[in-house]
């Protein structure tokens, strides 16, 4: 089974990314970024914690850790976080992995339907299946945080990734409330200062590029 079609496991770190079908823009206007994050929180927060993200014009990157199966199943039973249609009509057992994948499907479908209505378009908006890679080493985790935040600069959207408004870089540095696992991430690098120093270092992105699944 190919890497990007493997069932997503519970209690596991992942690099998740996807793009618009055939490279189409998935964020047509500024308000779309805000709407996507709202839908993301609605559907994904019950099944995964988010450590870093970046939304670009035609693709996005996420660093998440899926929740433990018990937490996901208990959330399903208690209908946490306003999850729509969380309990299936079938009485057959559904695993935590099933619900994780199902919530991502709901995210993409709900967002696509809204954009299609707004833009008077039809058909799929996202590539399928979405890409997922397990984060299996400490070094990959650290480099991936930088890779995600540096992506707008890498693709020429900005000359300095720190100026890009649609990533989690600045959310890790401010005091406002956030749904991100901010404290855990800053502690991973040591503290806020070390986090900023790490992002200012020269990084060999070829090591990350080797692990990226091409569209």
Protein backbone atom coordinates (compact mmCIF):
# COMPACT_ATOMS: atom_id res chain seq x y z
CA UNK A 1 0.00 0.00 0.00
CA UNK A 2 1.33 3.42 -0.91
CA UNK A 3 2.29 5.81 1.88
CA UNK A 4 -0.43 8.29 1.08
CA UNK A 5 -3.22 5.67 1.17
CA UNK A 6 -2.29 3.93 4.43
CA UNK A 7 -4.91 4.07 7.16
CA UNK A 8 -4.11 6.84 9.63
CA UNK A 9 -3.20 5.39 13.01
CA UNK A 10 -4.19 6.73 16.42
CA UNK A 11 -1.66 8.33 18.79
CA UNK A 12 0.79 9.06 15.96
CA UNK A 13 2.50 12.17 14.59
CA UNK A 14 1.81 12.90 10.91
CA UNK A 15 2.75 15.35 8.23
CA UNK A 16 -0.54 15.91 6.39
CA UNK A 17 -0.72 17.87 3.17
CA UNK A 18 -2.91 18.29 0.14
CA UNK A 19 -3.49 20.64 -2.77
CA UNK A 20 -6.25 21.79 -5.09
CA UNK A 21 -7.17 19.35 -7.81
CA UNK A 22 -4.76 19.77 -10.74
CA UNK A 23 -3.05 22.51 -8.75
CA UNK A 24 -6.16 24.72 -8.63
CA UNK A 25 -6.33 27.45 -6.01
CA UNK A 26 -8.20 26.32 -2.91
CA UNK A 27 -8.22 29.75 -1.28
CA UNK A 28 -9.95 32.09 -3.68
CA UNK A 29 -10.09 35.10 -1.35
CA UNK A 30 -8.77 36.17 2.03
CA UNK A 31 -11.87 35.12 3.94
CA UNK A 32 -11.45 31.55 2.68
CA UNK A 33 -8.38 31.07 4.88
CA UNK A 34 -10.39 32.01 7.96
CA UNK A 35 -13.26 29.75 6.97
CA UNK A 36 -10.94 26.80 6.34
CA UNK A 37 -9.40 27.13 9.81
CA UNK A 38 -12.87 27.29 11.37
CA UNK A 39 -13.93 24.13 9.56
CA UNK A 40 -10.61 22.51 10.42
CA UNK A 41 -11.15 23.19 14.13
CA UNK A 42 -14.69 21.86 13.94
CA UNK A 43 -13.83 18.57 12.28
CA UNK A 44 -10.22 17.79 13.15
CA UNK A 45 -9.74 19.06 16.69
CA UNK A 46 -11.84 16.17 18.11
CA UNK A 47 -9.50 13.58 16.56
CA UNK A 48 -6.07 15.24 16.41
CA UNK A 49 -3.89 17.89 18.02
CA UNK A 50 -2.21 20.40 15.72
CA UNK A 51 1.37 21.54 16.23
CA UNK A 52 2.04 23.55 13.06
CA UNK A 53 0.33 24.52 9.83
CA UNK A 54 0.68 26.60 6.71
CA UNK A 55 -2.04 27.46 4.19
CA UNK A 56 -0.91 28.53 0.75
CA UNK A 57 -2.87 29.50 -2.33
CA UNK A 58 -3.16 26.00 -3.80
CA UNK A 59 -1.97 23.67 -1.01
CA UNK A 60 -1.47 23.30 2.72
CA UNK A 61 0.76 21.53 5.24
CA UNK A 62 -0.08 20.29 8.74
CA UNK A 63 1.88 18.72 11.58
CA UNK A 64 -0.56 16.84 13.77
CA UNK A 65 -0.68 14.12 16.38
CA UNK A 66 -3.75 11.92 16.22
CA UNK A 67 -5.45 11.29 19.54
CA UNK A 68 -5.54 7.97 21.34
CA UNK A 69 -8.31 5.66 20.24
CA UNK A 70 -10.08 5.73 23.62
CA UNK A 71 -10.25 9.52 23.57
CA UNK A 72 -11.66 9.50 20.04
CA UNK A 73 -14.25 6.82 20.79
CA UNK A 74 -15.25 8.47 24.07
CA UNK A 75 -15.62 11.76 22.22
CA UNK A 76 -17.85 10.05 19.70
CA UNK A 77 -20.04 8.57 22.40
CA UNK A 78 -20.42 11.90 24.17
CA UNK A 79 -20.84 13.86 20.92
CA UNK A 80 -18.07 16.33 21.87
CA UNK A 81 -17.28 19.51 19.95
CA UNK A 82 -20.52 19.65 17.95
CA UNK A 83 -19.42 16.85 15.65
CA UNK A 84 -22.15 16.32 13.10
CA UNK A 85 -23.25 12.78 12.26
CA UNK A 86 -20.57 11.45 14.58
CA UNK A 87 -22.43 8.24 15.50
CA UNK A 88 -22.92 6.02 12.45
CA UNK A 89 -26.28 4.43 11.73
CA UNK A 90 -24.59 1.05 11.56
CA UNK A 91 -24.08 -0.68 14.90
CA UNK A 92 -20.86 -2.31 13.67
CA UNK A 93 -17.62 -1.34 15.38
CA UNK A 94 -15.70 1.59 13.93
CA UNK A 95 -12.07 2.14 14.92
CA UNK A 96 -10.43 5.39 15.91
CA UNK A 97 -8.57 5.32 12.60
CA UNK A 98 -11.89 5.18 10.75
CA UNK A 99 -13.13 8.28 12.53
CA UNK A 100 -9.90 10.21 11.88
CA UNK A 101 -10.14 9.58 8.14
CA UNK A 102 -13.87 10.27 8.22
CA UNK A 103 -13.36 13.65 9.88
CA UNK A 104 -10.80 14.68 7.25
CA UNK A 105 -13.28 13.66 4.55
CA UNK A 106 -15.94 15.82 6.21
CA UNK A 107 -13.53 18.75 6.37
CA UNK A 108 -12.70 18.57 2.67
CA UNK A 109 -16.31 18.00 1.64
CA UNK A 110 -17.76 20.81 3.75
CA UNK A 111 -15.12 23.28 2.62
CA UNK A 112 -15.47 22.27 -1.05
CA UNK A 113 -19.24 22.63 -0.96
CA UNK A 114 -18.97 26.13 0.48
CA UNK A 115 -16.39 27.24 -2.10
CA UNK A 116 -18.37 25.69 -4.96
CA UNK A 117 -21.45 27.61 -3.87
CA UNK A 118 -19.50 30.83 -3.45
CA UNK A 119 -17.64 30.52 -6.75
CA UNK A 120 -20.44 28.93 -8.77
CA UNK A 121 -18.25 25.93 -9.55
CA UNK A 122 -18.82 22.18 -9.44
CA UNK A 123 -16.78 19.08 -8.81
CA UNK A 124 -13.92 18.18 -6.53
CA UNK A 125 -11.67 20.89 -5.10
CA UNK A 126 -8.97 18.76 -3.43
CA UNK A 127 -6.72 16.01 -4.70
CA UNK A 128 -7.65 12.57 -3.40
CA UNK A 129 -6.38 10.87 -1.37
CA UNK A 130 -4.75 13.51 0.80
CA UNK A 131 -1.09 12.85 1.62
CA UNK A 132 0.10 11.62 4.99
CA UNK A 133 3.57 10.69 6.26
CA UNK A 134 4.38 9.40 9.73
CA UNK A 135 6.84 11.52 11.68
CA UNK A 136 9.10 8.84 13.13
CA UNK A 137 12.15 10.74 14.40
CA UNK A 138 12.94 13.75 16.56
CA UNK A 139 15.05 15.32 13.83
CA UNK A 140 12.27 14.98 11.27
CA UNK A 141 9.80 16.59 13.68
CA UNK A 142 12.07 19.61 14.21
CA UNK A 143 12.93 20.02 10.54
CA UNK A 144 9.29 19.61 9.57
CA UNK A 145 8.24 22.55 11.75
CA UNK A 146 10.74 24.72 9.90
CA UNK A 147 9.78 23.26 6.51
CA UNK A 148 6.10 24.05 7.07
CA UNK A 149 6.76 27.61 8.19
CA UNK A 150 9.31 28.26 5.45
CA UNK A 151 7.04 26.96 2.68
CA UNK A 152 5.69 30.40 1.64
CA UNK A 153 9.25 31.66 1.17
CA UNK A 154 10.29 28.48 -0.62
CA UNK A 155 7.46 28.90 -3.15
CA UNK A 156 8.01 32.62 -3.59
CA UNK A 157 4.88 33.94 -1.89
CA UNK A 158 7.03 36.14 0.35
CA UNK A 159 10.72 36.96 0.61
CA UNK A 160 10.69 36.18 4.34
CA UNK A 161 8.43 33.48 5.76
CA UNK A 162 7.99 35.56 8.94
CA UNK A 163 5.88 38.00 6.90
CA UNK A 164 3.40 35.36 5.77
CA UNK A 165 0.05 35.66 7.61
CA UNK A 166 -1.42 32.18 7.09
CA UNK A 167 0.95 29.95 9.05
CA UNK A 168 1.35 29.02 12.70
CA UNK A 169 4.75 30.68 13.06
CA UNK A 170 3.52 33.83 14.79
CA UNK A 171 0.79 31.99 16.68
CA UNK A 172 3.57 30.21 18.57
CA UNK A 173 5.07 33.53 19.63
CA UNK A 174 2.08 35.50 20.87
CA UNK A 175 0.14 35.26 24.12
CA UNK A 176 -3.35 35.06 22.64
CA UNK A 177 -5.41 31.91 23.02
CA UNK A 178 -4.82 29.27 20.40
CA UNK A 179 -6.03 25.79 19.52
CA UNK A 180 -2.44 24.85 18.63
CA UNK A 181 -0.26 22.79 20.98
CA UNK A 182 1.83 25.92 21.44
CA UNK A 183 3.35 25.30 24.84
CA UNK A 184 4.33 21.76 23.92
CA UNK A 185 6.00 22.93 20.72
CA UNK A 186 7.95 25.74 22.35
CA UNK A 187 9.08 23.33 25.08
CA UNK A 188 10.25 20.94 22.35
CA UNK A 189 12.72 23.58 21.14
CA UNK A 190 13.55 24.68 24.68
CA UNK A 191 11.72 27.99 24.86
CA UNK A 192 10.46 30.82 22.67
CA UNK A 193 13.94 32.21 22.09
CA UNK A 194 15.31 28.84 20.99
CA UNK A 195 12.29 28.40 18.72
CA UNK A 196 13.13 31.67 16.96
CA UNK A 197 16.84 30.80 16.79
CA UNK A 198 16.03 27.45 15.19
CA UNK A 199 13.96 29.16 12.51
CA UNK A 200 16.84 31.53 11.79
CA UNK A 201 19.37 28.76 11.21
CA UNK A 202 20.42 27.42 7.83
CA UNK A 203 18.55 24.19 7.19
CA UNK A 204 19.14 21.48 4.63
CA UNK A 205 15.67 21.15 3.13
CA UNK A 206 16.86 18.33 0.89
CA UNK A 207 16.52 16.03 3.88
CA UNK A 208 12.85 16.96 4.15
CA UNK A 209 12.30 16.95 0.38
CA UNK A 210 13.37 13.30 0.28
CA UNK A 211 10.37 12.42 2.42
CA UNK A 212 7.78 14.47 0.56
CA UNK A 213 5.34 12.51 -1.59
CA UNK A 214 4.99 14.21 -4.96
CA UNK A 215 1.50 15.05 -6.22
